[in-house]
Amino acid sequence: MSPGGDGWPSAAYQTLKAAGVRQVAFVPDAGLTELIRRCEEDREIRAVSLTTEEEGVAMLAGAWLGGQRGVLLMQSSGVGNCVNMLALNQECRIPLLALITMRGTYGEGNPWQVPMGQAAGRALALAGVIVHEVGRADEVGPTLAAAARLAFDSRRAAAVLVDQRVIGSKAFAR
């Protein structure tokens, strides 16, 4: 169990609060439901549901330019939607913090999730994002804190990839 008693979403939420995050951009995802709920209920955080993940890259660049820190929450399948947009962060030295729940890896039952799940970390790294992978629930908080410090203090893009061992794999009905 993480601080707060209810697993990694609690640790992630507490870490984001401690890092001064005030804007949360997300595409709804079952693996992020509890964290999204906590952010939506927090009156100090502006939580925005996106149509597509790359909107979050632009939204959080605007947040930074307006003096606020933010985080992009998404599933690994959305990484491909962001790759071109990540040039904004790379070239303009605008920080980006992303928390990504992985699909297409450990025990995946949906064949459509496998290609991007296998490529997400490499795609992000090739786009200039510093990638941190987490394989245990108790690592989410500390890893997210380190990624936030790196992103906001060095003005770089950093992503924490939360493995399916942490969020659980899903069956696929054919």
Foldseek 3Di string as FASTA:
>chain_A
DEPVPDFQLVLLLVLCVVLQAAEEEEADDPLCVVNLVVQVPDPSHHYHHDPAQLVVLVVQLVCVVVPHHYAYEEELVRLVVNLVSLVCQVVVLAFYEYEYEAALDPPAADPVRNPSSVCRVVSCVVSFEAEAEDEERHVNNVVSNVQSCCRPVRSGYYYYYYYCNRSPYDHDDD
